[in-house]
PDB file of N, CA and C in Angstrom:
ATOM      1  N   MET A   1     117.747 117.235  96.282  1.00  0.00           N
ATOM      2  CA  MET A   1     118.521 116.024  96.406  1.00  0.00           C
ATOM      3  C   MET A   1     119.017 115.834  97.841  1.00  0.00           C
ATOM      4  N   ILE A   2     119.278 116.923  98.502  1.00  0.00           N
ATOM      5  CA  ILE A   2     119.699 116.842  99.894  1.00  0.00           C
ATOM      6  C   ILE A   2     118.588 116.224 100.735  1.00  0.00           C
ATOM      7  N   GLU A   3     117.344 116.608 100.442  1.00  0.00           N
ATOM      8  CA  GLU A   3     116.205 116.037 101.166  1.00  0.00           C
ATOM      9  C   GLU A   3     116.099 114.532 100.922  1.00  0.00           C
ATOM     10  N   LEU A   4     116.346 114.095  99.694  1.00  0.00           N
ATOM     11  CA  LEU A   4     116.305 112.659  99.395  1.00  0.00           C
ATOM     12  C   LEU A   4     117.377 111.898 100.169  1.00  0.00           C
ATOM     13  N   GLU A   5     118.569 112.475 100.242  1.00  0.00           N
ATOM     14  CA  GLU A   5     119.633 111.842 101.029  1.00  0.00           C
ATOM     15  C   GLU A   5     119.213 111.696 102.484  1.00  0.00           C
ATOM     16  N   LYS A   6     118.572 112.732 103.013  1.00  0.00           N
ATOM     17  CA  LYS A   6     118.117 112.704 104.402  1.00  0.00           C
ATOM     18  C   LYS A   6     117.058 111.624 104.605  1.00  0.00           C
ATOM     19  N   VAL A   7     116.116 111.522 103.690  1.00  0.00           N
ATOM     20  CA  VAL A   7     115.076 110.492 103.782  1.00  0.00           C
ATOM     21  C   VAL A   7     115.714 109.114 103.809  1.00  0.00           C
ATOM     22  N   GLU A   8     116.682 108.885 102.937  1.00  0.00           N
ATOM     23  CA  GLU A   8     117.360 107.588 102.893  1.00  0.00           C
ATOM     24  C   GLU A   8     118.066 107.291 104.219  1.00  0.00           C
ATOM     25  N   ARG A   9     118.738 108.273 104.789  1.00  0.00           N
ATOM     26  CA  ARG A   9     119.437 108.081 106.065  1.00  0.00           C
ATOM     27  C   ARG A   9     118.459 107.749 107.197  1.00  0.00           C
ATOM     28  N   VAL A  10     117.348 108.452 107.233  1.00  0.00           N
ATOM     29  CA  VAL A  10     116.351 108.221 108.283  1.00  0.00           C
ATOM     30  C   VAL A  10     115.768 106.816 108.162  1.00  0.00           C
ATOM     31  N   ILE A  11     115.440 106.414 106.955  1.00  0.00           N
ATOM     32  CA  ILE A  11     114.898 105.063 106.737  1.00  0.00           C
ATOM     33  C   ILE A  11     115.917 104.012 107.153  1.00  0.00           C
ATOM     34  N   ALA A  12     117.163 104.213 106.768  1.00  0.00           N
ATOM     35  CA  ALA A  12     118.215 103.245 107.094  1.00  0.00           C
ATOM     36  C   ALA A  12     118.418 103.118 108.606  1.00  0.00           C
ATOM     37  N   LYS A  13     118.243 104.190 109.335  1.00  0.00           N
ATOM     38  CA  LYS A  13     118.378 104.148 110.793  1.00  0.00           C
ATOM     39  C   LYS A  13     117.242 103.372 111.446  1.00  0.00           C
ATOM     40  N   ARG A  14     116.079 103.414 110.845  1.00  0.00           N
ATOM     41  CA  ARG A  14     114.887 102.788 111.431  1.00  0.00           C
ATOM     42  C   ARG A  14     114.767 101.300 111.140  1.00  0.00           C
ATOM     43  N   LEU A  15     115.338 100.844 110.024  1.00  0.00           N
ATOM     44  CA  LEU A  15     115.170  99.452 109.622  1.00  0.00           C
ATOM     45  C   LEU A  15     116.450  98.944 108.965  1.00  0.00           C
ATOM     46  N   ASP A  16     117.016  97.891 109.512  1.00  0.00           N
ATOM     47  CA  ASP A  16     118.248  97.325 108.957  1.00  0.00           C
ATOM     48  C   ASP A  16     118.054  96.948 107.491  1.00  0.00           C
ATOM     49  N   GLY A  17     119.022  97.329 106.671  1.00  0.00           N
ATOM     50  CA  GLY A  17     118.988  96.982 105.258  1.00  0.00           C
ATOM     51  C   GLY A  17     118.110  97.875 104.401  1.00  0.00           C
ATOM     52  N   ALA A  18     117.424  98.809 105.021  1.00  0.00           N
ATOM     53  CA  ALA A  18     116.529  99.696 104.266  1.00  0.00           C
ATOM     54  C   ALA A  18     117.324 100.855 103.677  1.00  0.00           C
ATOM     55  N   PRO A  19     116.896 101.431 102.623  1.00  0.00           N
ATOM     56  CA  PRO A  19     115.734 101.034 101.835  1.00  0.00           C
ATOM     57  C   PRO A  19     116.039  99.800 100.981  1.00  0.00           C
ATOM     58  N   HIS A  20     115.037  98.969 100.835  1.00  0.00           N
ATOM     59  CA  HIS A  20     115.203  97.732 100.072  1.00  0.00           C
ATOM     60  C   HIS A  20     115.101  97.970  98.573  1.00  0.00           C
ATOM     61  N   GLU A  21     114.369  98.978  98.198  1.00  0.00           N
ATOM     62  CA  GLU A  21     114.223  99.385  96.801  1.00  0.00           C
ATOM     63  C   GLU A  21     114.265 100.899  96.752  1.00  0.00           C
ATOM     64  N   THR A  22     114.887 101.419  95.717  1.00  0.00           N
ATOM     65  CA  THR A  22     114.842 102.845  95.442  1.00  0.00           C
ATOM     66  C   THR A  22     114.493 102.990  93.970  1.00  0.00           C
ATOM     67  N   LEU A  23     113.241 103.340  93.728  1.00  0.00           N
ATOM     68  CA  LEU A  23     112.726 103.422  92.367  1.00  0.00           C
ATOM     69  C   LEU A  23     112.613 104.873  91.936  1.00  0.00           C
ATOM     70  N   ILE A  24     112.980 105.128  90.704  1.00  0.00           N
ATOM     71  CA  ILE A  24     112.771 106.458  90.133  1.00  0.00           C
ATOM     72  C   ILE A  24     111.515 106.384  89.275  1.00  0.00           C
ATOM     73  N   VAL A  25     110.645 107.363  89.431  1.00  0.00           N
ATOM     74  CA  VAL A  25     109.406 107.433  88.662  1.00  0.00           C
ATOM     75  C   VAL A  25     109.622 108.424  87.530  1.00  0.00           C
ATOM     76  N   LEU A  26     109.452 107.932  86.305  1.00  0.00           N
ATOM     77  CA  LEU A  26     109.676 108.761  85.125  1.00  0.00           C
ATOM     78  C   LEU A  26     108.414 108.837  84.278  1.00  0.00           C
ATOM     79  N   ASP A  27     108.185 109.988  83.723  1.00  0.00           N
ATOM     80  CA  ASP A  27     107.088 110.219  82.793  1.00  0.00           C
ATOM     81  C   ASP A  27     107.557 109.738  81.416  1.00  0.00           C
ATOM     82  N   ALA A  28     106.828 108.809  80.817  1.00  0.00           N
ATOM     83  CA  ALA A  28     107.234 108.234  79.528  1.00  0.00           C
ATOM     84  C   ALA A  28     107.261 109.265  78.408  1.00  0.00           C
ATOM     85  N   THR A  29     106.594 110.390  78.610  1.00  0.00           N
ATOM     86  CA  THR A  29     106.538 111.395  77.546  1.00  0.00           C
ATOM     87  C   THR A  29     107.767 112.300  77.501  1.00  0.00           C
ATOM     88  N   VAL A  30     108.666 112.201  78.479  1.00  0.00           N
ATOM     89  CA  VAL A  30     109.815 113.118  78.502  1.00  0.00           C
ATOM     90  C   VAL A  30     110.947 112.668  77.579  1.00  0.00           C
ATOM     91  N   GLY A  31     110.881 111.458  77.076  1.00  0.00           N
ATOM     92  CA  GLY A  31     111.874 110.988  76.115  1.00  0.00           C
ATOM     93  C   GLY A  31     113.277 110.947  76.679  1.00  0.00           C
ATOM     94  N   GLN A  32     114.214 111.499  75.922  1.00  0.00           N
ATOM     95  CA  GLN A  32     115.630 111.419  76.281  1.00  0.00           C
ATOM     96  C   GLN A  32     115.970 112.173  77.568  1.00  0.00           C
ATOM     97  N   ASN A  33     115.109 113.063  78.011  1.00  0.00           N
ATOM     98  CA  ASN A  33     115.342 113.763  79.274  1.00  0.00           C
ATOM     99  C   ASN A  33     115.375 112.775  80.441  1.00  0.00           C
ATOM    100  N   ALA A  34     114.776 111.613  80.255  1.00  0.00           N
ATOM    101  CA  ALA A  34     114.777 110.586  81.305  1.00  0.00           C
ATOM    102  C   ALA A  34     116.203 110.161  81.647  1.00  0.00           C
ATOM    103  N   THR A  35     117.084 110.122  80.667  1.00  0.00           N
ATOM    104  CA  THR A  35     118.466 109.723  80.948  1.00  0.00           C
ATOM    105  C   THR A  35     119.149 110.745  81.857  1.00  0.00           C
ATOM    106  N   ALA A  36     118.889 112.011  81.614  1.00  0.00           N
ATOM    107  CA  ALA A  36     119.469 113.059  82.464  1.00  0.00           C
ATOM    108  C   ALA A  36     118.924 112.952  83.887  1.00  0.00           C
ATOM    109  N   GLN A  37     117.641 112.640  84.014  1.00  0.00           N
ATOM    110  CA  GLN A  37     117.046 112.508  85.339  1.00  0.00           C
ATOM    111  C   GLN A  37     117.682 111.346  86.105  1.00  0.00           C
ATOM    112  N   ILE A  38     117.880 110.229  85.437  1.00  0.00           N
ATOM    113  CA  ILE A  38     118.500 109.080  86.107  1.00  0.00           C
ATOM    114  C   ILE A  38     119.933 109.406  86.506  1.00  0.00           C
ATOM    115  N   ARG A  39     120.683 110.037  85.627  1.00  0.00           N
ATOM    116  CA  ARG A  39     122.064 110.401  85.968  1.00  0.00           C
ATOM    117  C   ARG A  39     122.101 111.271  87.225  1.00  0.00           C
ATOM    118  N   THR A  40     121.219 112.243  87.289  1.00  0.00           N
ATOM    119  CA  THR A  40     121.178 113.150  88.443  1.00  0.00           C
ATOM    120  C   THR A  40     120.814 112.404  89.723  1.00  0.00           C
ATOM    121  N   PHE A  41     119.781 111.576  89.659  1.00  0.00           N
ATOM    122  CA  PHE A  41     119.354 110.855  90.854  1.00  0.00           C
ATOM    123  C   PHE A  41     120.393 109.839  91.299  1.00  0.00           C
ATOM    124  N   ARG A  42     121.086 109.206  90.357  1.00  0.00           N
ATOM    125  CA  ARG A  42     122.098 108.204  90.727  1.00  0.00           C
ATOM    126  C   ARG A  42     123.294 108.822  91.445  1.00  0.00           C
ATOM    127  N   GLN A  43     123.501 110.111  91.267  1.00  0.00           N
ATOM    128  CA  GLN A  43     124.575 110.786  91.994  1.00  0.00           C
ATOM    129  C   GLN A  43     124.250 110.882  93.481  1.00  0.00           C
ATOM    130  N   THR A  44     122.962 110.810  93.803  1.00  0.00           N
ATOM    131  CA  THR A  44     122.514 110.956  95.186  1.00  0.00           C
ATOM    132  C   THR A  44     122.110 109.628  95.808  1.00  0.00           C
ATOM    133  N   LEU A  45     121.389 108.796  95.047  1.00  0.00           N
ATOM    134  CA  LEU A  45     120.836 107.547  95.569  1.00  0.00           C
ATOM    135  C   LEU A  45     121.182 106.370  94.673  1.00  0.00           C
ATOM    136  N   PRO A  46     121.408 105.198  95.262  1.00  0.00           N
ATOM    137  CA  PRO A  46     121.598 103.998  94.442  1.00  0.00           C
ATOM    138  C   PRO A  46     120.228 103.482  93.981  1.00  0.00           C
ATOM    139  N   LEU A  47     119.919 103.663  92.718  1.00  0.00           N
ATOM    140  CA  LEU A  47     118.619 103.254  92.189  1.00  0.00           C
ATOM    141  C   LEU A  47     118.585 101.755  91.928  1.00  0.00           C
ATOM    142  N   THR A  48     117.411 101.162  92.169  1.00  0.00           N
ATOM    143  CA  THR A  48     117.244  99.727  91.913  1.00  0.00           C
ATOM    144  C   THR A  48     116.244  99.439  90.805  1.00  0.00           C
ATOM    145  N   GLY A  49     115.547 100.463  90.336  1.00  0.00           N
ATOM    146  CA  GLY A  49     114.583 100.222  89.271  1.00  0.00           C
ATOM    147  C   GLY A  49     113.853 101.480  88.857  1.00  0.00           C
ATOM    148  N   ILE A  50     112.972 101.275  87.863  1.00  0.00           N
ATOM    149  CA  ILE A  50     112.243 102.377  87.243  1.00  0.00           C
ATOM    150  C   ILE A  50     110.742 102.090  87.285  1.00  0.00           C
ATOM    151  N   VAL A  51     109.968 103.143  87.512  1.00  0.00           N
ATOM    152  CA  VAL A  51     108.519 103.115  87.317  1.00  0.00           C
ATOM    153  C   VAL A  51     108.260 104.093  86.178  1.00  0.00           C
ATOM    154  N   LEU A  52     107.656 103.625  85.113  1.00  0.00           N
ATOM    155  CA  LEU A  52     107.411 104.444  83.927  1.00  0.00           C
ATOM    156  C   LEU A  52     105.922 104.741  83.827  1.00  0.00           C
ATOM    157  N   THR A  53     105.575 106.027  83.906  1.00  0.00           N
ATOM    158  CA  THR A  53     104.164 106.416  83.902  1.00  0.00           C
ATOM    159  C   THR A  53     103.740 106.967  82.550  1.00  0.00           C
ATOM    160  N   LYS A  54     102.450 107.142  82.394  1.00  0.00           N
ATOM    161  CA  LYS A  54     101.822 107.744  81.220  1.00  0.00           C
ATOM    162  C   LYS A  54     102.007 106.919  79.944  1.00  0.00           C
ATOM    163  N   LEU A  55     102.046 105.612  80.079  1.00  0.00           N
ATOM    164  CA  LEU A  55     102.119 104.774  78.887  1.00  0.00           C
ATOM    165  C   LEU A  55     100.758 104.606  78.219  1.00  0.00           C
ATOM    166  N   ASP A  56      99.721 105.151  78.829  1.00  0.00           N
ATOM    167  CA  ASP A  56      98.387 105.083  78.235  1.00  0.00           C
ATOM    168  C   ASP A  56      98.159 106.207  77.224  1.00  0.00           C
ATOM    169  N   GLY A  57      99.014 107.172  77.201  1.00  0.00           N
ATOM    170  CA  GLY A  57      98.857 108.315  76.303  1.00  0.00           C
ATOM    171  C   GLY A  57      99.581 108.094  74.986  1.00  0.00           C
ATOM    172  N   THR A  58     100.170 109.156  74.484  1.00  0.00           N
ATOM    173  CA  THR A  58     100.838 109.091  73.193  1.00  0.00           C
ATOM    174  C   THR A  58     102.218 108.460  73.282  1.00  0.00           C
ATOM    175  N   ALA A  59     102.760 108.349  74.472  1.00  0.00           N
ATOM    176  CA  ALA A  59     104.106 107.787  74.632  1.00  0.00           C
ATOM    177  C   ALA A  59     104.106 106.308  74.259  1.00  0.00           C
ATOM    178  N   LYS A  60     105.073 105.920  73.479  1.00  0.00           N
ATOM    179  CA  LYS A  60     105.205 104.522  73.083  1.00  0.00           C
ATOM    180  C   LYS A  60     106.098 103.752  74.047  1.00  0.00           C
ATOM    181  N   GLY A  61     106.852 104.474  74.868  1.00  0.00           N
ATOM    182  CA  GLY A  61     107.713 103.812  75.830  1.00  0.00           C
ATOM    183  C   GLY A  61     109.030 103.347  75.239  1.00  0.00           C
ATOM    184  N   GLY A  62     109.369 103.850  74.066  1.00  0.00           N
ATOM    185  CA  GLY A  62     110.619 103.455  73.427  1.00  0.00           C
ATOM    186  C   GLY A  62     111.852 103.797  74.250  1.00  0.00           C
ATOM    187  N   ILE A  63     111.702 104.716  75.180  1.00  0.00           N
ATOM    188  CA  ILE A  63     112.813 105.106  76.038  1.00  0.00           C
ATOM    189  C   ILE A  63     113.278 103.938  76.898  1.00  0.00           C
ATOM    190  N   VAL A  64     112.429 102.936  77.091  1.00  0.00           N
ATOM    191  CA  VAL A  64     112.776 101.773  77.922  1.00  0.00           C
ATOM    192  C   VAL A  64     114.052 101.114  77.413  1.00  0.00           C
ATOM    193  N   VAL A  65     114.180 100.958  76.117  1.00  0.00           N
ATOM    194  CA  VAL A  65     115.347 100.295  75.536  1.00  0.00           C
ATOM    195  C   VAL A  65     116.608 101.110  75.802  1.00  0.00           C
ATOM    196  N   ALA A  66     116.532 102.408  75.584  1.00  0.00           N
ATOM    197  CA  ALA A  66     117.694 103.269  75.818  1.00  0.00           C
ATOM    198  C   ALA A  66     118.111 103.259  77.287  1.00  0.00           C
ATOM    199  N   LEU A  67     117.131 103.290  78.183  1.00  0.00           N
ATOM    200  CA  LEU A  67     117.447 103.281  79.610  1.00  0.00           C
ATOM    201  C   LEU A  67     118.079 101.967  80.033  1.00  0.00           C
ATOM    202  N   LYS A  68     117.582 100.869  79.501  1.00  0.00           N
ATOM    203  CA  LYS A  68     118.138  99.550  79.823  1.00  0.00           C
ATOM    204  C   LYS A  68     119.586  99.457  79.346  1.00  0.00           C
ATOM    205  N   GLU A  69     119.828  99.919  78.125  1.00  0.00           N
ATOM    206  CA  GLU A  69     121.191  99.858  77.577  1.00  0.00           C
ATOM    207  C   GLU A  69     122.164 100.718  78.367  1.00  0.00           C
ATOM    208  N   GLU A  70     121.751 101.918  78.718  1.00  0.00           N
ATOM    209  CA  GLU A  70     122.681 102.835  79.384  1.00  0.00           C
ATOM    210  C   GLU A  70     122.858 102.559  80.868  1.00  0.00           C
ATOM    211  N   PHE A  71     121.774 102.204  81.570  1.00  0.00           N
ATOM    212  CA  PHE A  71     121.839 102.110  83.028  1.00  0.00           C
ATOM    213  C   PHE A  71     121.636 100.703  83.575  1.00  0.00           C
ATOM    214  N   ASP A  72     121.136  99.811  82.774  1.00  0.00           N
ATOM    215  CA  ASP A  72     120.853  98.430  83.186  1.00  0.00           C
ATOM    216  C   ASP A  72     119.979  98.378  84.437  1.00  0.00           C
ATOM    217  N   LEU A  73     118.988  99.257  84.482  1.00  0.00           N
ATOM    218  CA  LEU A  73     118.014  99.274  85.571  1.00  0.00           C
ATOM    219  C   LEU A  73     116.725  98.625  85.074  1.00  0.00           C
ATOM    220  N   PRO A  74     116.146  97.739  85.838  1.00  0.00           N
ATOM    221  CA  PRO A  74     114.900  97.116  85.397  1.00  0.00           C
ATOM    222  C   PRO A  74     113.708  98.065  85.543  1.00  0.00           C
ATOM    223  N   VAL A  75     112.791  97.976  84.597  1.00  0.00           N
ATOM    224  CA  VAL A  75     111.514  98.661  84.742  1.00  0.00           C
ATOM    225  C   VAL A  75     110.658  97.742  85.597  1.00  0.00           C
ATOM    226  N   LYS A  76     110.240  98.211  86.750  1.00  0.00           N
ATOM    227  CA  LYS A  76     109.479  97.386  87.691  1.00  0.00           C
ATOM    228  C   LYS A  76     107.974  97.509  87.473  1.00  0.00           C
ATOM    229  N   PHE A  77     107.515  98.745  87.210  1.00  0.00           N
ATOM    230  CA  PHE A  77     106.079  98.988  87.036  1.00  0.00           C
ATOM    231  C   PHE A  77     105.851  99.994  85.923  1.00  0.00           C
ATOM    232  N   VAL A  78     104.654  99.937  85.334  1.00  0.00           N
ATOM    233  CA  VAL A  78     104.243 100.930  84.344  1.00  0.00           C
ATOM    234  C   VAL A  78     102.878 101.468  84.737  1.00  0.00           C
ATOM    235  N   GLY A  79     102.688 102.747  84.490  1.00  0.00           N
ATOM    236  CA  GLY A  79     101.405 103.381  84.740  1.00  0.00           C
ATOM    237  C   GLY A  79     100.661 103.537  83.432  1.00  0.00           C
ATOM    238  N   VAL A  80      99.434 103.026  83.394  1.00  0.00           N
ATOM    239  CA  VAL A  80      98.642 103.081  82.165  1.00  0.00           C
ATOM    240  C   VAL A  80      97.307 103.793  82.394  1.00  0.00           C
ATOM    241  N   GLY A  81      97.225 104.577  83.430  1.00  0.00           N
ATOM    242  CA  GLY A  81      96.004 105.309  83.758  1.00  0.00           C
ATOM    243  C   GLY A  81      96.226 106.163  84.978  1.00  0.00           C
ATOM    244  N   GLU A  82      95.119 106.546  85.607  1.00  0.00           N
ATOM    245  CA  GLU A  82      95.211 107.487  86.707  1.00  0.00           C
ATOM    246  C   GLU A  82      94.875 106.908  88.078  1.00  0.00           C
ATOM    247  N   THR A  83      94.567 105.633  88.164  1.00  0.00           N
ATOM    248  CA  THR A  83      94.218 105.046  89.457  1.00  0.00           C
ATOM    249  C   THR A  83      95.297 104.050  89.890  1.00  0.00           C
ATOM    250  N   MET A  84      95.235 103.650  91.150  1.00  0.00           N
ATOM    251  CA  MET A  84      96.191 102.669  91.667  1.00  0.00           C
ATOM    252  C   MET A  84      96.119 101.356  90.888  1.00  0.00           C
ATOM    253  N   ASP A  85      94.927 100.999  90.425  1.00  0.00           N
ATOM    254  CA  ASP A  85      94.767  99.766  89.646  1.00  0.00           C
ATOM    255  C   ASP A  85      95.446  99.847  88.285  1.00  0.00           C
ATOM    256  N   ASP A  86      95.814 101.055  87.878  1.00  0.00           N
ATOM    257  CA  ASP A  86      96.465 101.253  86.585  1.00  0.00           C
ATOM    258  C   ASP A  86      97.988 101.208  86.677  1.00  0.00           C
ATOM    259  N   LEU A  87      98.513 100.927  87.863  1.00  0.00           N
ATOM    260  CA  LEU A  87      99.952 100.738  88.042  1.00  0.00           C
ATOM    261  C   LEU A  87     100.196  99.240  87.998  1.00  0.00           C
ATOM    262  N   LEU A  88     100.832  98.784  86.927  1.00  0.00           N
ATOM    263  CA  LEU A  88     100.958  97.358  86.653  1.00  0.00           C
ATOM    264  C   LEU A  88     102.410  96.904  86.669  1.00  0.00           C
ATOM    265  N   PRO A  89     102.658  95.653  87.041  1.00  0.00           N
ATOM    266  CA  PRO A  89     104.012  95.118  86.908  1.00  0.00           C
ATOM    267  C   PRO A  89     104.430  95.146  85.441  1.00  0.00           C
ATOM    268  N   PHE A  90     105.669  95.480  85.194  1.00  0.00           N
ATOM    269  CA  PHE A  90     106.175  95.537  83.820  1.00  0.00           C
ATOM    270  C   PHE A  90     106.415  94.130  83.302  1.00  0.00           C
ATOM    271  N   GLU A  91     105.867  93.853  82.138  1.00  0.00           N
ATOM    272  CA  GLU A  91     106.059  92.557  81.479  1.00  0.00           C
ATOM    273  C   GLU A  91     106.730  92.814  80.141  1.00  0.00           C
ATOM    274  N   VAL A  92     107.988  92.412  80.032  1.00  0.00           N
ATOM    275  CA  VAL A  92     108.789  92.748  78.860  1.00  0.00           C
ATOM    276  C   VAL A  92     108.191  92.181  77.567  1.00  0.00           C
ATOM    277  N   GLY A  93     107.654  90.976  77.603  1.00  0.00           N
ATOM    278  CA  GLY A  93     107.076  90.383  76.393  1.00  0.00           C
ATOM    279  C   GLY A  93     105.882  91.168  75.896  1.00  0.00           C
ATOM    280  N   ALA A  94     104.975  91.500  76.787  1.00  0.00           N
ATOM    281  CA  ALA A  94     103.789  92.273  76.422  1.00  0.00           C
ATOM    282  C   ALA A  94     104.181  93.666  75.939  1.00  0.00           C
ATOM    283  N   PHE A  95     105.193  94.241  76.580  1.00  0.00           N
ATOM    284  CA  PHE A  95     105.663  95.564  76.172  1.00  0.00           C
ATOM    285  C   PHE A  95     106.239  95.536  74.764  1.00  0.00           C
ATOM    286  N   ALA A  96     107.092  94.558  74.493  1.00  0.00           N
ATOM    287  CA  ALA A  96     107.703  94.449  73.163  1.00  0.00           C
ATOM    288  C   ALA A  96     106.633  94.259  72.084  1.00  0.00           C
ATOM    289  N   GLU A  97     105.659  93.438  72.390  1.00  0.00           N
ATOM    290  CA  GLU A  97     104.573  93.204  71.442  1.00  0.00           C
ATOM    291  C   GLU A  97     103.810  94.492  71.157  1.00  0.00           C
ATOM    292  N   GLU A  98     103.530  95.250  72.192  1.00  0.00           N
ATOM    293  CA  GLU A  98     102.803  96.521  72.040  1.00  0.00           C
ATOM    294  C   GLU A  98     103.600  97.523  71.216  1.00  0.00           C
ATOM    295  N   VAL A  99     104.899  97.638  71.468  1.00  0.00           N
ATOM    296  CA  VAL A  99     105.735  98.580  70.737  1.00  0.00           C
ATOM    297  C   VAL A  99     105.798  98.197  69.264  1.00  0.00           C
ATOM    298  N   LEU A 100     105.924  96.902  68.966  1.00  0.00           N
ATOM    299  CA  LEU A 100     106.023  96.467  67.575  1.00  0.00           C
ATOM    300  C   LEU A 100     104.713  96.628  66.822  1.00  0.00           C
ATOM    301  N   GLN A 101     103.586  96.593  67.515  1.00  0.00           N
ATOM    302  CA  GLN A 101     102.289  96.776  66.853  1.00  0.00           C
ATOM    303  C   GLN A 101     101.975  98.231  66.574  1.00  0.00           C
ATOM    304  N   ALA A 102     102.597  99.124  67.322  1.00  0.00           N
ATOM    305  CA  ALA A 102     102.275 100.551  67.190  1.00  0.00           C
ATOM    306  C   ALA A 102     102.802 101.152  65.910  1.00  0.00           C
TER     307      ALA A 102
END
């Protein structure tokens, strides 16, 4: 966490207003452990959003609702595969539809 603080300070020195976004990347398969990860990171950095990976596997992504309720952080992107093309903008309507069909 000390290293993350240092990275943030260096970025802020180089560019006014930076960092513009601070996203936490979470594995969708970790479930409720994601809340502990966000709590820990928020003690060090002001988070602006979430990237949720591994939604192509067995994870249903139900943790999204719990994270939204507790932290009110938007999910910005979801990972549904292993390539850069598999990192997609999060669309709440499509996500809700997918969860309800599962």
